[in-house]
Amino acid sequence: MIKLIALYRNPSDTAEFDKHYFDVHVPLIRKFPGLRRLEVTRVTGAPIGEAKFHLMAEMYFDTKDGMDAALASQEGKAVMRDIMSFAADVITVFHGESD
């Protein structure tokens, strides 16, 4: 399985960010073709010092090709447009394999 991981650094207004993220962005993500599972984790702390991150989203796909197809789809393009509208300055995205 492959997962696409989005890490969101602490936004300046967490209430506004969360409202958009959960009311607008998550429903768009759920439309990804081939999405097997979505997990959103609220970061609540760090072992040492303050946490630099607010949220982590993990989107699971069967294969890298499936993930690539989802990102290239109309739904994927809508997700990317939305990210750029509210989170471009706080997001880091990467992918990895999981068992």
N, C-alpha and C. Protein backbone atom coordinates (compact mmCIF):
# COMPACT_ATOMS: atom_id res chain seq x y z
N MET A 1 0.85 -1.17 0.00
CA MET A 1 0.00 0.00 0.00
C MET A 1 0.90 1.23 0.00
N ILE A 2 0.43 2.28 -0.63
CA ILE A 2 1.17 3.54 -0.63
C ILE A 2 0.30 4.59 0.03
N LYS A 3 0.96 5.50 0.75
CA LYS A 3 0.18 6.58 1.34
C LYS A 3 0.79 7.92 0.99
N LEU A 4 -0.09 8.84 0.73
CA LEU A 4 0.25 10.23 0.49
C LEU A 4 0.07 10.92 1.83
N ILE A 5 1.11 11.60 2.26
CA ILE A 5 1.11 12.22 3.59
C ILE A 5 1.20 13.73 3.44
N ALA A 6 0.30 14.44 4.09
CA ALA A 6 0.33 15.90 4.11
C ALA A 6 0.53 16.34 5.56
N LEU A 7 1.60 17.09 5.78
CA LEU A 7 1.86 17.67 7.10
C LEU A 7 1.57 19.16 7.02
N TYR A 8 0.79 19.63 7.96
CA TYR A 8 0.42 21.05 8.00
C TYR A 8 1.06 21.68 9.22
N ARG A 9 1.94 22.67 8.98
CA ARG A 9 2.52 23.43 10.09
C ARG A 9 1.42 24.25 10.76
N ASN A 10 1.71 24.75 11.92
CA ASN A 10 0.72 25.54 12.66
C ASN A 10 0.31 26.78 11.86
N PRO A 11 -0.97 26.90 11.53
CA PRO A 11 -1.45 28.09 10.81
C PRO A 11 -1.61 29.26 11.77
N SER A 12 -1.72 30.44 11.22
CA SER A 12 -1.87 31.63 12.08
C SER A 12 -3.23 31.64 12.79
N ASP A 13 -4.26 31.12 12.15
CA ASP A 13 -5.60 31.07 12.75
C ASP A 13 -6.09 29.63 12.67
N THR A 14 -5.92 28.88 13.76
CA THR A 14 -6.26 27.46 13.72
C THR A 14 -7.77 27.23 13.57
N ALA A 15 -8.59 28.07 14.16
CA ALA A 15 -10.05 27.89 14.05
C ALA A 15 -10.49 28.06 12.60
N GLU A 16 -10.01 29.08 11.93
CA GLU A 16 -10.36 29.32 10.53
C GLU A 16 -9.82 28.19 9.65
N PHE A 17 -8.57 27.79 9.90
CA PHE A 17 -7.97 26.69 9.16
C PHE A 17 -8.80 25.41 9.31
N ASP A 18 -9.11 25.05 10.55
CA ASP A 18 -9.86 23.82 10.81
C ASP A 18 -11.23 23.84 10.15
N LYS A 19 -11.91 24.97 10.20
CA LYS A 19 -13.24 25.07 9.58
C LYS A 19 -13.14 24.76 8.09
N HIS A 20 -12.19 25.40 7.41
CA HIS A 20 -12.04 25.15 5.98
C HIS A 20 -11.59 23.71 5.73
N TYR A 21 -10.62 23.25 6.50
CA TYR A 21 -10.06 21.92 6.29
C TYR A 21 -11.14 20.84 6.40
N PHE A 22 -11.90 20.87 7.48
CA PHE A 22 -12.87 19.80 7.72
C PHE A 22 -14.18 19.99 6.95
N ASP A 23 -14.58 21.23 6.69
CA ASP A 23 -15.85 21.47 5.99
C ASP A 23 -15.71 21.44 4.47
N VAL A 24 -14.54 21.83 3.96
CA VAL A 24 -14.34 21.94 2.51
C VAL A 24 -13.31 20.93 2.00
N HIS A 25 -12.13 20.92 2.60
CA HIS A 25 -11.02 20.14 2.05
C HIS A 25 -11.22 18.63 2.21
N VAL A 26 -11.59 18.17 3.39
CA VAL A 26 -11.76 16.73 3.60
C VAL A 26 -12.82 16.14 2.66
N PRO A 27 -13.97 16.80 2.46
CA PRO A 27 -14.92 16.23 1.49
C PRO A 27 -14.34 16.13 0.07
N LEU A 28 -13.47 17.05 -0.31
CA LEU A 28 -12.81 16.95 -1.62
C LEU A 28 -11.86 15.75 -1.66
N ILE A 29 -11.08 15.57 -0.61
CA ILE A 29 -10.15 14.43 -0.55
C ILE A 29 -10.91 13.12 -0.66
N ARG A 30 -12.04 13.01 0.01
CA ARG A 30 -12.81 11.76 0.01
C ARG A 30 -13.30 11.38 -1.39
N LYS A 31 -13.25 12.31 -2.34
CA LYS A 31 -13.66 12.03 -3.72
C LYS A 31 -12.51 11.49 -4.57
N PHE A 32 -11.28 11.43 -4.04
CA PHE A 32 -10.16 10.87 -4.79
C PHE A 32 -10.53 9.49 -5.32
N PRO A 33 -10.39 9.23 -6.61
CA PRO A 33 -10.61 7.87 -7.11
C PRO A 33 -9.56 6.93 -6.52
N GLY A 34 -9.99 5.77 -6.07
CA GLY A 34 -9.06 4.77 -5.56
C GLY A 34 -8.59 4.99 -4.13
N LEU A 35 -9.10 6.02 -3.46
CA LEU A 35 -8.71 6.25 -2.07
C LEU A 35 -9.25 5.12 -1.21
N ARG A 36 -8.37 4.46 -0.48
CA ARG A 36 -8.77 3.35 0.38
C ARG A 36 -9.10 3.80 1.79
N ARG A 37 -8.36 4.78 2.27
CA ARG A 37 -8.56 5.23 3.65
C ARG A 37 -7.97 6.62 3.80
N LEU A 38 -8.58 7.42 4.64
CA LEU A 38 -8.07 8.74 5.01
C LEU A 38 -7.99 8.79 6.52
N GLU A 39 -6.82 9.13 7.04
CA GLU A 39 -6.65 9.34 8.48
C GLU A 39 -6.13 10.75 8.70
N VAL A 40 -6.81 11.49 9.54
CA VAL A 40 -6.37 12.83 9.90
C VAL A 40 -6.02 12.83 11.38
N THR A 41 -4.80 13.25 11.69
CA THR A 41 -4.32 13.29 13.07
C THR A 41 -4.10 14.73 13.49
N ARG A 42 -4.69 15.11 14.60
CA ARG A 42 -4.41 16.42 15.19
C ARG A 42 -3.14 16.27 16.03
N VAL A 43 -2.16 17.08 15.75
CA VAL A 43 -0.92 17.04 16.52
C VAL A 43 -1.18 17.77 17.83
N THR A 44 -0.92 17.08 18.93
CA THR A 44 -1.23 17.65 20.25
C THR A 44 0.01 17.97 21.08
N GLY A 45 1.17 17.62 20.58
CA GLY A 45 2.38 17.90 21.33
C GLY A 45 3.59 17.26 20.70
N ALA A 46 4.73 17.48 21.33
CA ALA A 46 6.00 16.91 20.89
C ALA A 46 6.76 16.47 22.13
N PRO A 47 7.64 15.47 22.00
CA PRO A 47 8.38 15.00 23.17
C PRO A 47 9.23 16.09 23.83
N ILE A 48 9.78 16.98 23.00
CA ILE A 48 10.61 18.06 23.52
C ILE A 48 10.17 19.36 22.84
N GLY A 49 9.82 20.35 23.61
CA GLY A 49 9.42 21.64 23.06
C GLY A 49 8.01 21.61 22.48
N GLU A 50 7.71 22.65 21.73
CA GLU A 50 6.40 22.78 21.11
C GLU A 50 6.35 22.05 19.79
N ALA A 51 5.19 21.51 19.45
CA ALA A 51 4.99 20.89 18.15
C ALA A 51 4.94 21.97 17.07
N LYS A 52 5.62 21.70 15.97
CA LYS A 52 5.63 22.65 14.85
C LYS A 52 4.50 22.37 13.87
N PHE A 53 3.77 21.27 14.11
CA PHE A 53 2.73 20.86 13.18
C PHE A 53 1.36 20.89 13.85
N HIS A 54 0.35 21.10 13.02
CA HIS A 54 -1.03 21.19 13.46
C HIS A 54 -1.81 19.91 13.12
N LEU A 55 -1.67 19.46 11.86
CA LEU A 55 -2.39 18.27 11.39
C LEU A 55 -1.48 17.41 10.52
N MET A 56 -1.81 16.13 10.47
CA MET A 56 -1.19 15.22 9.51
C MET A 56 -2.33 14.42 8.87
N ALA A 57 -2.34 14.40 7.55
CA ALA A 57 -3.33 13.60 6.82
C ALA A 57 -2.60 12.50 6.07
N GLU A 58 -3.12 11.28 6.20
CA GLU A 58 -2.57 10.13 5.49
C GLU A 58 -3.66 9.56 4.59
N MET A 59 -3.37 9.54 3.29
CA MET A 59 -4.32 9.05 2.30
C MET A 59 -3.75 7.78 1.68
N TYR A 60 -4.45 6.67 1.83
CA TYR A 60 -3.95 5.36 1.42
C TYR A 60 -4.51 4.95 0.06
N PHE A 61 -3.61 4.43 -0.79
CA PHE A 61 -3.95 3.92 -2.12
C PHE A 61 -3.30 2.55 -2.29
N ASP A 62 -3.85 1.75 -3.18
CA ASP A 62 -3.29 0.41 -3.41
C ASP A 62 -1.88 0.46 -3.99
N THR A 63 -1.66 1.36 -4.95
CA THR A 63 -0.37 1.43 -5.66
C THR A 63 0.02 2.88 -5.91
N LYS A 64 1.28 3.08 -6.26
CA LYS A 64 1.74 4.42 -6.64
C LYS A 64 1.02 4.89 -7.89
N ASP A 65 0.84 3.98 -8.85
CA ASP A 65 0.11 4.34 -10.07
C ASP A 65 -1.31 4.79 -9.75
N GLY A 66 -1.96 4.12 -8.80
CA GLY A 66 -3.30 4.52 -8.38
C GLY A 66 -3.30 5.90 -7.74
N MET A 67 -2.28 6.16 -6.90
CA MET A 67 -2.16 7.48 -6.28
C MET A 67 -1.93 8.55 -7.35
N ASP A 68 -1.02 8.26 -8.28
CA ASP A 68 -0.73 9.22 -9.36
C ASP A 68 -1.97 9.51 -10.19
N ALA A 69 -2.76 8.47 -10.46
CA ALA A 69 -4.00 8.66 -11.22
C ALA A 69 -4.99 9.53 -10.44
N ALA A 70 -5.07 9.30 -9.14
CA ALA A 70 -5.97 10.12 -8.31
C ALA A 70 -5.54 11.58 -8.33
N LEU A 71 -4.24 11.82 -8.21
CA LEU A 71 -3.74 13.20 -8.21
C LEU A 71 -3.96 13.88 -9.56
N ALA A 72 -3.91 13.11 -10.65
CA ALA A 72 -4.08 13.68 -11.99
C ALA A 72 -5.56 13.84 -12.38
N SER A 73 -6.45 13.24 -11.62
CA SER A 73 -7.88 13.29 -11.93
C SER A 73 -8.46 14.69 -11.69
N GLN A 74 -9.67 14.89 -12.16
CA GLN A 74 -10.37 16.16 -11.90
C GLN A 74 -10.52 16.39 -10.40
N GLU A 75 -10.81 15.32 -9.66
CA GLU A 75 -10.94 15.43 -8.20
C GLU A 75 -9.60 15.82 -7.57
N GLY A 76 -8.52 15.24 -8.06
CA GLY A 76 -7.19 15.58 -7.56
C GLY A 76 -6.83 17.02 -7.85
N LYS A 77 -7.19 17.49 -9.02
CA LYS A 77 -6.92 18.89 -9.37
C LYS A 77 -7.73 19.83 -8.48
N ALA A 78 -8.95 19.44 -8.14
CA ALA A 78 -9.77 20.26 -7.24
C ALA A 78 -9.13 20.33 -5.85
N VAL A 79 -8.59 19.20 -5.38
CA VAL A 79 -7.90 19.18 -4.08
C VAL A 79 -6.71 20.12 -4.11
N MET A 80 -5.92 20.06 -5.17
CA MET A 80 -4.73 20.90 -5.27
C MET A 80 -5.09 22.39 -5.33
N ARG A 81 -6.13 22.73 -6.09
CA ARG A 81 -6.57 24.14 -6.14
C ARG A 81 -6.98 24.62 -4.76
N ASP A 82 -7.68 23.75 -4.04
CA ASP A 82 -8.13 24.12 -2.70
C ASP A 82 -6.94 24.31 -1.77
N ILE A 83 -5.97 23.41 -1.81
CA ILE A 83 -4.77 23.55 -0.97
C ILE A 83 -4.11 24.90 -1.21
N MET A 84 -3.98 25.26 -2.47
CA MET A 84 -3.32 26.53 -2.79
C MET A 84 -4.12 27.73 -2.27
N SER A 85 -5.42 27.56 -2.10
CA SER A 85 -6.25 28.69 -1.65
C SER A 85 -6.18 28.93 -0.15
N PHE A 86 -5.80 27.89 0.65
CA PHE A 86 -5.82 28.11 2.09
C PHE A 86 -4.61 27.58 2.85
N ALA A 87 -3.78 26.74 2.22
CA ALA A 87 -2.71 26.10 2.99
C ALA A 87 -1.35 26.08 2.29
N ALA A 88 -1.19 26.81 1.22
CA ALA A 88 0.06 26.76 0.45
C ALA A 88 1.28 27.07 1.29
N ASP A 89 1.13 27.93 2.28
CA ASP A 89 2.29 28.35 3.08
C ASP A 89 2.55 27.46 4.30
N VAL A 90 1.70 26.45 4.53
CA VAL A 90 1.88 25.61 5.73
C VAL A 90 1.95 24.10 5.43
N ILE A 91 1.92 23.72 4.17
CA ILE A 91 1.83 22.28 3.85
C ILE A 91 3.14 21.72 3.30
N THR A 92 3.42 20.49 3.67
CA THR A 92 4.49 19.68 3.09
C THR A 92 3.84 18.34 2.72
N VAL A 93 4.09 17.86 1.49
CA VAL A 93 3.47 16.64 1.03
C VAL A 93 4.55 15.66 0.54
N PHE A 94 4.39 14.39 0.89
CA PHE A 94 5.29 13.34 0.41
C PHE A 94 4.54 12.02 0.43
N HIS A 95 5.15 10.98 -0.12
CA HIS A 95 4.49 9.67 -0.10
C HIS A 95 5.48 8.61 0.34
N GLY A 96 4.93 7.49 0.83
CA GLY A 96 5.74 6.39 1.28
C GLY A 96 4.93 5.10 1.24
N GLU A 97 5.62 3.99 1.44
CA GLU A 97 4.97 2.68 1.42
C GLU A 97 4.70 2.23 2.85
N SER A 98 3.60 1.51 3.01
CA SER A 98 3.29 0.93 4.31
C SER A 98 2.90 -0.53 4.10
N ASP A 99 3.05 -1.31 5.13
CA ASP A 99 2.70 -2.74 5.05
C ASP A 99 1.26 -2.96 5.41
